[in-house]
Amino acid sequence: MRNAALPTRHEIEVRILELLAELDALRGLGLSEEERRPRAWLKGWQGQRLAKTHAALLQDPRYEPAARFFLEDLYGPKDHRARDHDLARVLPKLLKVLPQAEQWTMAQALHMDALSERLDAQMVQALLAQGALRHEGDLSEAQYAQAYRHLDQREQRQEQLDLVMQIGQSLDHLTRLPMLAASLKLMKKPAELAGLSELHAFLQRGFTAFAHMKGGEEFLQRIVQEERALMISWLQP
């Protein structure tokens, strides 16, 4: 969306606050421990699957940091509640210093989180209905593919991949901004004192990983192509 008309700063702030509230609900704060366990098991299985699918990127010295950031921080099973709590506390101040395009990137990252949480919740219900995911480790790729076909969420899954590409391209752009690396380093101690270490660490990991690649387009294409190929294969009867 870098070349399209961006929402206003106020619209972005409202959107981010809506998404943070939605994520609180989607992450099952009102669920019992018994209800939360299958979600954790699914996320763990998906994390292992992502690491296996993208093993070549994880073993490539150029792409390994960015692959870990995507598979653990953006597209994987990590719990982001501490980061989101940090963000909600400082959002008005943060939006005053961030460029508008980067504000929108943050909103898009939260949108992807919310979309992934919705897809996971629906997947858990489908798997339980077919008798899978009754305990940790009780899930095969065949069972996952069966539930995936049953839900037939191809539009939402494609949107997820589109967001991966958009967010990745924005992060790649950020690495070219002068002085941003120095600013992030200078922010570390103040962020810790303000209780914002989780949010700062997230930003630092993303920037460092993409700066290390010195150009991330090929990396993003490989991620999206692999995931799209799997999506197509899982949707085949």
Protein backbone atom coordinates (compact mmCIF):
# COMPACT_ATOMS: atom_id res chain seq x y z
CA MET A 1 0.00 0.00 0.00
CA ARG A 2 3.07 2.24 -0.15
CA ASN A 3 2.05 3.75 -3.48
CA ALA A 4 -1.69 3.90 -2.78
CA ALA A 5 -3.59 6.44 -0.70
CA LEU A 6 -3.02 5.69 2.97
CA PRO A 7 -5.65 6.05 5.68
CA THR A 8 -5.30 9.16 7.84
CA ARG A 9 -3.28 9.00 11.06
CA HIS A 10 -6.52 9.07 13.07
CA GLU A 11 -8.00 6.23 11.01
CA ILE A 12 -4.84 4.17 11.53
CA GLU A 13 -4.93 4.76 15.29
CA VAL A 14 -8.59 3.72 15.46
CA ARG A 15 -7.84 0.63 13.36
CA ILE A 16 -4.91 -0.40 15.57
CA LEU A 17 -6.98 -0.02 18.75
CA GLU A 18 -9.77 -2.10 17.19
CA LEU A 19 -7.32 -4.82 16.24
CA LEU A 20 -5.71 -4.91 19.69
CA ALA A 21 -9.16 -5.35 21.27
CA GLU A 22 -10.02 -8.06 18.74
CA LEU A 23 -6.75 -9.87 19.44
CA ASP A 24 -7.47 -9.89 23.18
CA ALA A 25 -10.74 -11.68 22.45
CA LEU A 26 -9.32 -14.00 19.79
CA ARG A 27 -6.46 -15.17 22.02
CA GLY A 28 -8.97 -16.75 24.33
CA LEU A 29 -8.64 -14.69 27.48
CA GLY A 30 -12.06 -15.98 28.55
CA LEU A 31 -11.35 -19.62 27.74
CA SER A 32 -10.54 -22.31 30.27
CA GLU A 33 -7.14 -24.00 30.30
CA GLU A 34 -8.75 -27.10 28.78
CA GLU A 35 -10.12 -25.02 25.90
CA ARG A 36 -6.80 -23.25 25.34
CA ARG A 37 -4.66 -26.37 25.16
CA PRO A 38 -5.72 -27.52 21.65
CA ARG A 39 -4.89 -24.06 20.30
CA ALA A 40 -1.40 -24.26 21.80
CA TRP A 41 -0.93 -27.76 20.35
CA LEU A 42 -2.02 -26.57 16.90
CA LYS A 43 0.33 -23.57 17.04
CA GLY A 44 3.19 -25.83 18.09
CA TRP A 45 2.49 -28.22 15.20
CA GLN A 46 2.30 -25.31 12.75
CA GLY A 47 5.61 -23.94 14.02
CA GLN A 48 7.30 -27.29 13.41
CA ARG A 49 5.70 -27.52 9.96
CA LEU A 50 6.91 -24.04 9.00
CA ALA A 51 10.46 -24.85 10.12
CA LYS A 52 10.39 -28.04 8.03
CA THR A 53 8.89 -26.38 4.94
CA HIS A 54 11.40 -23.52 5.02
CA ALA A 55 14.41 -25.47 6.25
CA ALA A 56 16.51 -24.28 3.30
CA LEU A 57 15.98 -20.63 4.28
CA LEU A 58 16.82 -21.41 7.91
CA GLN A 59 20.08 -23.02 6.80
CA ASP A 60 21.09 -20.16 4.48
CA PRO A 61 23.40 -17.68 6.29
CA ARG A 62 21.92 -14.76 4.35
CA TYR A 63 18.28 -15.59 5.07
CA GLU A 64 18.38 -17.38 8.44
CA PRO A 65 17.70 -14.32 10.68
CA ALA A 66 14.78 -13.15 8.50
CA ALA A 67 13.39 -16.69 8.28
CA ARG A 68 13.43 -16.98 12.08
CA PHE A 69 11.72 -13.58 12.41
CA PHE A 70 8.97 -14.59 9.98
CA LEU A 71 8.46 -18.09 11.30
CA GLU A 72 8.59 -17.12 14.99
CA ASP A 73 7.50 -13.47 15.22
CA LEU A 74 5.16 -12.90 12.28
CA TYR A 75 3.85 -16.16 10.84
CA GLY A 76 4.37 -18.62 13.64
CA PRO A 77 3.08 -19.67 17.07
CA LYS A 78 4.63 -16.99 19.28
CA ASP A 79 2.44 -15.38 21.99
CA HIS A 80 2.38 -11.62 21.31
CA ARG A 81 0.25 -10.50 24.26
CA ALA A 82 3.15 -8.69 26.00
CA ARG A 83 4.07 -6.88 22.79
CA ASP A 84 0.46 -5.85 22.18
CA HIS A 85 0.07 -4.62 25.77
CA ASP A 86 3.18 -2.47 25.28
CA LEU A 87 1.81 -1.12 22.02
CA ALA A 88 -1.58 -0.20 23.50
CA ARG A 89 0.13 1.80 26.28
CA VAL A 90 2.31 3.94 24.01
CA LEU A 91 0.28 4.08 20.81
CA PRO A 92 -0.52 7.84 20.74
CA LYS A 93 3.13 8.78 21.36
CA LEU A 94 4.41 6.17 18.91
CA LEU A 95 2.16 7.40 16.12
CA LYS A 96 3.52 10.93 16.55
CA VAL A 97 7.06 9.83 15.63
CA LEU A 98 6.44 7.05 13.09
CA PRO A 99 6.03 7.89 9.38
CA GLN A 100 2.49 7.26 8.16
CA ALA A 101 3.46 4.35 5.89
CA GLU A 102 5.13 2.59 8.83
CA GLN A 103 2.07 3.20 11.00
CA TRP A 104 0.04 1.39 8.37
CA THR A 105 2.59 -1.46 8.30
CA MET A 106 2.05 -1.88 12.03
CA ALA A 107 -1.70 -2.00 11.49
CA GLN A 108 -1.24 -4.59 8.75
CA ALA A 109 0.92 -6.76 11.03
CA LEU A 110 -1.81 -6.71 13.69
CA HIS A 111 -4.40 -7.48 11.01
CA MET A 112 -2.37 -10.53 10.00
CA ASP A 113 -2.19 -11.60 13.65
CA ALA A 114 -5.96 -11.33 14.00
CA LEU A 115 -6.58 -13.18 10.74
CA SER A 116 -4.21 -15.98 11.81
CA GLU A 117 -5.93 -16.26 15.20
CA ARG A 118 -9.36 -16.56 13.53
CA LEU A 119 -8.09 -19.22 11.12
CA ASP A 120 -6.46 -21.15 13.98
CA ALA A 121 -9.63 -21.08 16.10
CA GLN A 122 -11.68 -22.44 13.19
CA MET A 123 -9.04 -25.06 12.42
CA VAL A 124 -9.05 -26.28 16.03
CA GLN A 125 -12.82 -26.78 15.92
CA ALA A 126 -12.63 -28.65 12.60
CA LEU A 127 -9.84 -30.92 13.86
CA LEU A 128 -11.63 -31.71 17.12
CA ALA A 129 -14.80 -32.50 15.16
CA GLN A 130 -12.92 -35.07 13.07
CA GLY A 131 -11.37 -36.65 16.19
CA ALA A 132 -7.88 -35.15 15.92
CA LEU A 133 -5.95 -32.89 18.30
CA ARG A 134 -7.17 -34.68 21.43
CA HIS A 135 -3.74 -34.44 23.01
CA GLU A 136 -0.34 -32.90 22.26
CA GLY A 137 1.29 -34.52 19.23
CA ASP A 138 -2.03 -35.97 18.03
CA LEU A 139 -2.02 -34.38 14.57
CA SER A 140 -0.80 -35.56 11.19
CA GLU A 141 -0.45 -33.59 7.98
CA ALA A 142 -3.22 -35.74 6.44
CA GLN A 143 -5.61 -34.75 9.26
CA TYR A 144 -4.61 -31.10 8.92
CA ALA A 145 -5.16 -31.21 5.14
CA GLN A 146 -8.58 -32.84 5.62
CA ALA A 147 -9.69 -30.04 7.96
CA TYR A 148 -8.13 -27.45 5.64
CA ARG A 149 -10.20 -28.75 2.70
CA HIS A 150 -13.36 -28.93 4.82
CA LEU A 151 -13.05 -25.29 5.90
CA ASP A 152 -12.10 -24.15 2.34
CA GLN A 153 -10.81 -20.73 3.42
CA ARG A 154 -8.81 -20.05 0.27
CA GLU A 155 -9.64 -16.32 0.20
CA GLN A 156 -8.54 -15.81 3.80
CA ARG A 157 -5.41 -17.93 3.26
CA GLN A 158 -4.51 -15.93 0.16
CA GLU A 159 -5.04 -12.71 2.12
CA GLN A 160 -2.64 -14.08 4.76
CA LEU A 161 0.04 -14.60 2.10
CA ASP A 162 -0.60 -11.16 0.59
CA LEU A 163 -0.04 -9.65 4.05
CA VAL A 164 3.21 -11.58 4.46
CA MET A 165 4.46 -10.02 1.23
CA GLN A 166 3.25 -6.49 2.07
CA ILE A 167 4.69 -6.49 5.59
CA GLY A 168 7.97 -7.98 4.41
CA GLN A 169 8.35 -5.37 1.68
CA SER A 170 7.69 -2.62 4.22
CA LEU A 171 10.32 -4.02 6.59
CA ASP A 172 12.76 -4.24 3.70
CA HIS A 173 12.06 -0.56 2.93
CA LEU A 174 12.66 0.41 6.58
CA THR A 175 16.22 -0.93 6.45
CA ARG A 176 17.04 1.73 3.85
CA LEU A 177 15.98 4.66 6.04
CA PRO A 178 19.03 6.60 7.30
CA MET A 179 19.65 6.66 11.04
CA LEU A 180 16.94 4.10 11.86
CA ALA A 181 19.43 1.47 13.05
CA ALA A 182 21.10 3.98 15.38
CA SER A 183 17.73 5.19 16.65
CA LEU A 184 16.64 1.66 17.53
CA LYS A 185 19.84 1.07 19.49
CA LEU A 186 19.41 4.34 21.37
CA MET A 187 15.81 3.42 22.23
CA LYS A 188 16.77 0.16 23.96
CA LYS A 189 17.45 1.49 27.47
CA PRO A 190 14.56 4.00 27.52
CA ALA A 191 12.24 1.23 26.30
CA GLU A 192 13.36 -1.05 29.13
CA LEU A 193 12.85 1.72 31.72
CA ALA A 194 9.38 2.41 30.33
CA GLY A 195 8.42 -1.27 30.44
CA LEU A 196 8.42 -1.56 26.66
CA SER A 197 11.21 -4.08 26.22
CA GLU A 198 9.01 -6.63 24.41
CA LEU A 199 7.85 -4.14 21.80
CA HIS A 200 11.37 -2.81 21.29
CA ALA A 201 12.81 -6.32 20.96
CA PHE A 202 10.21 -7.15 18.30
CA LEU A 203 11.08 -4.04 16.29
CA GLN A 204 14.82 -4.63 16.69
CA ARG A 205 14.60 -8.28 15.59
CA GLY A 206 12.66 -7.38 12.46
CA PHE A 207 14.96 -4.53 11.46
CA THR A 208 18.16 -6.48 12.14
CA ALA A 209 16.95 -9.56 10.26
CA PHE A 210 15.99 -7.64 7.14
CA ALA A 211 19.06 -5.41 7.19
CA HIS A 212 21.22 -8.56 7.31
CA MET A 213 19.78 -9.77 3.98
CA LYS A 214 20.63 -6.55 2.09
CA GLY A 215 17.53 -7.02 -0.07
CA GLY A 216 14.59 -9.25 0.81
CA GLU A 217 12.53 -9.68 -2.37
CA GLU A 218 13.85 -13.15 -3.24
CA PHE A 219 13.36 -14.27 0.36
CA LEU A 220 9.74 -13.09 0.39
CA GLN A 221 9.01 -14.71 -2.96
CA ARG A 222 10.35 -18.04 -1.71
CA ILE A 223 8.25 -17.93 1.47
CA VAL A 224 5.05 -17.04 -0.38
CA GLN A 225 5.58 -19.51 -3.24
CA GLU A 226 6.18 -22.41 -0.84
CA GLU A 227 3.14 -21.55 1.25
CA ARG A 228 0.93 -21.06 -1.82
CA ALA A 229 1.99 -24.43 -3.22
CA LEU A 230 1.05 -26.10 0.07
CA MET A 231 -2.29 -24.25 0.15
CA ILE A 232 -3.12 -25.55 -3.33
CA SER A 233 -2.10 -29.12 -2.48
CA TRP A 234 -4.13 -29.15 0.75
CA LEU A 235 -7.22 -27.92 -1.08
CA GLN A 236 -7.05 -30.75 -3.63
CA PRO A 237 -9.57 -33.56 -2.93
